[in-house]
Amino acid sequence: ADTPRDTYNHCLHSKPMGEDAEIAAWQFKRRLQTIEAARGDGTSLVSLLIAPGEQINLVSKKIQGELGAATHIKSRANRQAVIAALKSVQS
């Protein structure tokens, strides 16, 4: 599977870019570096990437579905950590 960095490198080198595209690529690279540098304590870090134009209510439903699935995690500590992380995203 391609990593976000592989996708970035492919897009960067696949065709000539105008100035706006170069700025967008630079901004994307900076965001990607920020995400790659992020660290959490176990499952306390949740990355939620929402595509432009994606409806927030659909994202909220996906998170609610993940909360439902998290209740089936066997380990009590992991279950609580995942649920707390997902609830923090909702608020």
N, C-alpha and C. Protein backbone atom coordinates (compact mmCIF):
# COMPACT_ATOMS: atom_id res chain seq x y z
N ALA A 1 0.84 -1.20 0.00
CA ALA A 1 0.00 0.00 0.00
C ALA A 1 0.88 1.25 0.00
N ASP A 2 0.46 2.22 -0.76
CA ASP A 2 1.20 3.48 -0.82
C ASP A 2 0.99 4.28 0.45
N THR A 3 2.04 4.90 0.90
CA THR A 3 1.93 5.81 2.03
C THR A 3 1.57 7.19 1.50
N PRO A 4 1.09 8.09 2.37
CA PRO A 4 0.83 9.45 1.91
C PRO A 4 2.05 10.10 1.27
N ARG A 5 3.24 9.80 1.78
CA ARG A 5 4.45 10.37 1.20
C ARG A 5 4.66 9.85 -0.22
N ASP A 6 4.40 8.55 -0.46
CA ASP A 6 4.52 8.00 -1.81
C ASP A 6 3.56 8.71 -2.76
N THR A 7 2.35 8.94 -2.30
CA THR A 7 1.35 9.64 -3.11
C THR A 7 1.82 11.05 -3.41
N TYR A 8 2.35 11.73 -2.40
CA TYR A 8 2.86 13.09 -2.59
C TYR A 8 3.97 13.09 -3.63
N ASN A 9 4.94 12.18 -3.49
CA ASN A 9 6.07 12.14 -4.42
C ASN A 9 5.61 11.83 -5.84
N HIS A 10 4.63 10.93 -5.97
CA HIS A 10 4.11 10.60 -7.29
C HIS A 10 3.46 11.83 -7.93
N CYS A 11 2.63 12.53 -7.16
CA CYS A 11 1.95 13.73 -7.69
C CYS A 11 2.97 14.81 -8.03
N LEU A 12 3.98 14.95 -7.21
CA LEU A 12 4.97 16.00 -7.40
C LEU A 12 5.77 15.78 -8.68
N HIS A 13 6.07 14.53 -8.99
CA HIS A 13 6.97 14.25 -10.11
C HIS A 13 6.25 13.74 -11.37
N SER A 14 4.93 13.66 -11.35
CA SER A 14 4.24 13.06 -12.49
C SER A 14 3.99 14.03 -13.63
N LYS A 15 3.91 15.33 -13.36
CA LYS A 15 3.65 16.28 -14.44
C LYS A 15 4.16 17.66 -14.03
N PRO A 16 4.43 18.51 -15.02
CA PRO A 16 4.86 19.87 -14.69
C PRO A 16 3.76 20.62 -13.96
N MET A 17 4.18 21.49 -13.03
CA MET A 17 3.19 22.21 -12.23
C MET A 17 3.34 23.70 -12.43
N GLY A 18 2.20 24.39 -12.32
CA GLY A 18 2.22 25.84 -12.31
C GLY A 18 2.54 26.33 -10.91
N GLU A 19 2.63 27.63 -10.75
CA GLU A 19 2.99 28.22 -9.45
C GLU A 19 1.97 27.86 -8.37
N ASP A 20 0.67 27.91 -8.69
CA ASP A 20 -0.37 27.56 -7.71
C ASP A 20 -0.25 26.11 -7.26
N ALA A 21 0.02 25.23 -8.22
CA ALA A 21 0.16 23.82 -7.90
C ALA A 21 1.40 23.57 -7.04
N GLU A 22 2.46 24.32 -7.31
CA GLU A 22 3.68 24.18 -6.50
C GLU A 22 3.43 24.64 -5.07
N ILE A 23 2.68 25.71 -4.91
CA ILE A 23 2.35 26.19 -3.56
C ILE A 23 1.49 25.17 -2.85
N ALA A 24 0.49 24.61 -3.55
CA ALA A 24 -0.38 23.59 -2.95
C ALA A 24 0.43 22.36 -2.56
N ALA A 25 1.37 21.96 -3.41
CA ALA A 25 2.22 20.81 -3.10
C ALA A 25 3.08 21.08 -1.88
N TRP A 26 3.61 22.29 -1.79
CA TRP A 26 4.43 22.65 -0.63
C TRP A 26 3.59 22.62 0.65
N GLN A 27 2.36 23.18 0.58
CA GLN A 27 1.47 23.18 1.74
C GLN A 27 1.12 21.75 2.15
N PHE A 28 0.85 20.90 1.15
CA PHE A 28 0.53 19.51 1.44
C PHE A 28 1.71 18.82 2.12
N LYS A 29 2.91 19.08 1.62
CA LYS A 29 4.11 18.47 2.20
C LYS A 29 4.28 18.90 3.66
N ARG A 30 4.05 20.17 3.94
CA ARG A 30 4.17 20.67 5.32
C ARG A 30 3.14 19.99 6.24
N ARG A 31 1.92 19.86 5.76
CA ARG A 31 0.88 19.18 6.55
C ARG A 31 1.25 17.72 6.78
N LEU A 32 1.75 17.07 5.75
CA LEU A 32 2.15 15.68 5.86
C LEU A 32 3.26 15.52 6.89
N GLN A 33 4.22 16.42 6.89
CA GLN A 33 5.30 16.36 7.87
C GLN A 33 4.76 16.54 9.29
N THR A 34 3.79 17.42 9.45
CA THR A 34 3.17 17.64 10.77
C THR A 34 2.47 16.37 11.24
N ILE A 35 1.73 15.73 10.34
CA ILE A 35 1.01 14.51 10.70
C ILE A 35 2.00 13.39 11.03
N GLU A 36 3.06 13.26 10.23
CA GLU A 36 4.05 12.20 10.47
C GLU A 36 4.77 12.41 11.80
N ALA A 37 4.95 13.65 12.22
CA ALA A 37 5.66 13.94 13.46
C ALA A 37 4.77 13.78 14.69
N ALA A 38 3.47 13.72 14.51
CA ALA A 38 2.54 13.63 15.64
C ALA A 38 2.71 12.28 16.34
N ARG A 39 2.68 12.31 17.62
CA ARG A 39 2.78 11.10 18.43
C ARG A 39 1.75 11.18 19.54
N GLY A 40 1.26 10.02 19.90
CA GLY A 40 0.27 9.95 20.97
C GLY A 40 0.64 8.85 21.94
N ASP A 41 -0.12 8.76 22.99
CA ASP A 41 0.08 7.73 24.00
C ASP A 41 -0.89 6.60 23.69
N GLY A 42 -0.44 5.62 22.95
CA GLY A 42 -1.31 4.51 22.58
C GLY A 42 -2.38 4.97 21.61
N THR A 43 -3.64 4.80 22.00
CA THR A 43 -4.74 5.15 21.11
C THR A 43 -5.31 6.53 21.42
N SER A 44 -4.55 7.37 22.10
CA SER A 44 -5.07 8.69 22.43
C SER A 44 -4.96 9.66 21.26
N LEU A 45 -4.22 9.29 20.23
CA LEU A 45 -4.07 10.15 19.06
C LEU A 45 -5.02 9.69 17.98
N VAL A 46 -5.89 10.58 17.55
CA VAL A 46 -6.83 10.28 16.47
C VAL A 46 -6.59 11.29 15.36
N SER A 47 -6.32 10.79 14.17
CA SER A 47 -6.18 11.66 13.01
C SER A 47 -7.46 11.58 12.21
N LEU A 48 -8.10 12.70 12.03
CA LEU A 48 -9.35 12.74 11.27
C LEU A 48 -9.13 13.65 10.08
N LEU A 49 -9.02 13.03 8.91
CA LEU A 49 -8.82 13.78 7.68
C LEU A 49 -10.13 13.81 6.92
N ILE A 50 -10.63 15.01 6.65
CA ILE A 50 -11.90 15.18 5.97
C ILE A 50 -11.62 15.80 4.61
N ALA A 51 -12.05 15.12 3.58
CA ALA A 51 -11.84 15.61 2.22
C ALA A 51 -12.66 16.87 1.98
N PRO A 52 -12.14 17.78 1.17
CA PRO A 52 -12.92 18.98 0.84
C PRO A 52 -14.26 18.58 0.23
N GLY A 53 -15.30 19.19 0.70
CA GLY A 53 -16.64 18.91 0.18
C GLY A 53 -17.34 17.75 0.84
N GLU A 54 -16.65 17.01 1.70
CA GLU A 54 -17.29 15.89 2.39
C GLU A 54 -18.25 16.45 3.45
N GLN A 55 -19.41 15.85 3.54
CA GLN A 55 -20.43 16.35 4.46
C GLN A 55 -20.08 15.96 5.90
N ILE A 56 -20.13 16.95 6.77
CA ILE A 56 -19.76 16.75 8.18
C ILE A 56 -20.69 15.72 8.84
N ASN A 57 -21.97 15.73 8.48
CA ASN A 57 -22.89 14.79 9.11
C ASN A 57 -22.52 13.34 8.78
N LEU A 58 -21.97 13.08 7.59
CA LEU A 58 -21.53 11.73 7.24
C LEU A 58 -20.30 11.34 8.05
N VAL A 59 -19.41 12.30 8.25
CA VAL A 59 -18.21 12.04 9.06
C VAL A 59 -18.63 11.73 10.50
N SER A 60 -19.59 12.49 11.00
CA SER A 60 -20.09 12.26 12.36
C SER A 60 -20.71 10.87 12.49
N LYS A 61 -21.42 10.43 11.46
CA LYS A 61 -22.01 9.08 11.49
C LYS A 61 -20.92 8.02 11.49
N LYS A 62 -19.85 8.24 10.74
CA LYS A 62 -18.74 7.29 10.72
C LYS A 62 -18.10 7.18 12.10
N ILE A 63 -17.92 8.32 12.75
CA ILE A 63 -17.33 8.32 14.09
C ILE A 63 -18.25 7.59 15.05
N GLN A 64 -19.55 7.82 14.94
CA GLN A 64 -20.52 7.14 15.80
C GLN A 64 -20.45 5.63 15.58
N GLY A 65 -20.29 5.22 14.32
CA GLY A 65 -20.13 3.79 14.02
C GLY A 65 -18.88 3.20 14.63
N GLU A 66 -17.79 3.98 14.60
CA GLU A 66 -16.55 3.52 15.21
C GLU A 66 -16.70 3.40 16.73
N LEU A 67 -17.47 4.30 17.32
CA LEU A 67 -17.74 4.21 18.76
C LEU A 67 -18.47 2.91 19.08
N GLY A 68 -19.43 2.57 18.24
CA GLY A 68 -20.16 1.32 18.44
C GLY A 68 -19.25 0.12 18.32
N ALA A 69 -18.37 0.14 17.34
CA ALA A 69 -17.43 -0.96 17.16
C ALA A 69 -16.44 -1.04 18.31
N ALA A 70 -16.08 0.10 18.87
CA ALA A 70 -15.10 0.14 19.96
C ALA A 70 -15.62 -0.56 21.21
N THR A 71 -16.93 -0.63 21.37
CA THR A 71 -17.48 -1.29 22.57
C THR A 71 -17.19 -2.79 22.56
N HIS A 72 -16.78 -3.34 21.41
CA HIS A 72 -16.50 -4.77 21.31
C HIS A 72 -15.02 -5.10 21.52
N ILE A 73 -14.20 -4.11 21.83
CA ILE A 73 -12.78 -4.36 22.10
C ILE A 73 -12.67 -5.10 23.43
N LYS A 74 -11.97 -6.21 23.42
CA LYS A 74 -11.92 -7.08 24.61
C LYS A 74 -11.16 -6.45 25.78
N SER A 75 -10.03 -5.85 25.48
CA SER A 75 -9.22 -5.27 26.55
C SER A 75 -9.91 -4.03 27.11
N ARG A 76 -10.15 -4.05 28.40
CA ARG A 76 -10.85 -2.92 29.05
C ARG A 76 -10.09 -1.61 28.87
N ALA A 77 -8.77 -1.65 29.07
CA ALA A 77 -7.97 -0.43 28.98
C ALA A 77 -7.97 0.11 27.55
N ASN A 78 -7.79 -0.78 26.57
CA ASN A 78 -7.81 -0.33 25.18
C ASN A 78 -9.18 0.20 24.78
N ARG A 79 -10.24 -0.51 25.21
CA ARG A 79 -11.60 -0.08 24.90
C ARG A 79 -11.86 1.33 25.44
N GLN A 80 -11.49 1.56 26.68
CA GLN A 80 -11.71 2.87 27.28
C GLN A 80 -10.90 3.96 26.58
N ALA A 81 -9.67 3.64 26.20
CA ALA A 81 -8.82 4.62 25.53
C ALA A 81 -9.38 4.98 24.16
N VAL A 82 -9.82 3.97 23.42
CA VAL A 82 -10.37 4.22 22.08
C VAL A 82 -11.66 5.03 22.19
N ILE A 83 -12.54 4.65 23.10
CA ILE A 83 -13.80 5.38 23.27
C ILE A 83 -13.53 6.82 23.68
N ALA A 84 -12.60 7.04 24.59
CA ALA A 84 -12.27 8.40 25.02
C ALA A 84 -11.71 9.22 23.86
N ALA A 85 -10.87 8.60 23.05
CA ALA A 85 -10.28 9.32 21.91
C ALA A 85 -11.35 9.67 20.89
N LEU A 86 -12.25 8.76 20.60
CA LEU A 86 -13.32 9.03 19.63
C LEU A 86 -14.28 10.09 20.16
N LYS A 87 -14.57 10.04 21.45
CA LYS A 87 -15.46 11.07 22.01
C LYS A 87 -14.81 12.44 21.97
N SER A 88 -13.48 12.49 22.10
CA SER A 88 -12.81 13.78 22.03
C SER A 88 -12.90 14.38 20.62
N VAL A 89 -12.94 13.51 19.61
CA VAL A 89 -13.10 13.96 18.23
C VAL A 89 -14.50 14.53 18.02
N GLN A 90 -15.48 13.91 18.67
CA GLN A 90 -16.86 14.37 18.52
C GLN A 90 -17.10 15.74 19.13
N SER A 91 -16.37 16.06 20.17
CA SER A 91 -16.64 17.33 20.87
C SER A 91 -15.93 18.51 20.27
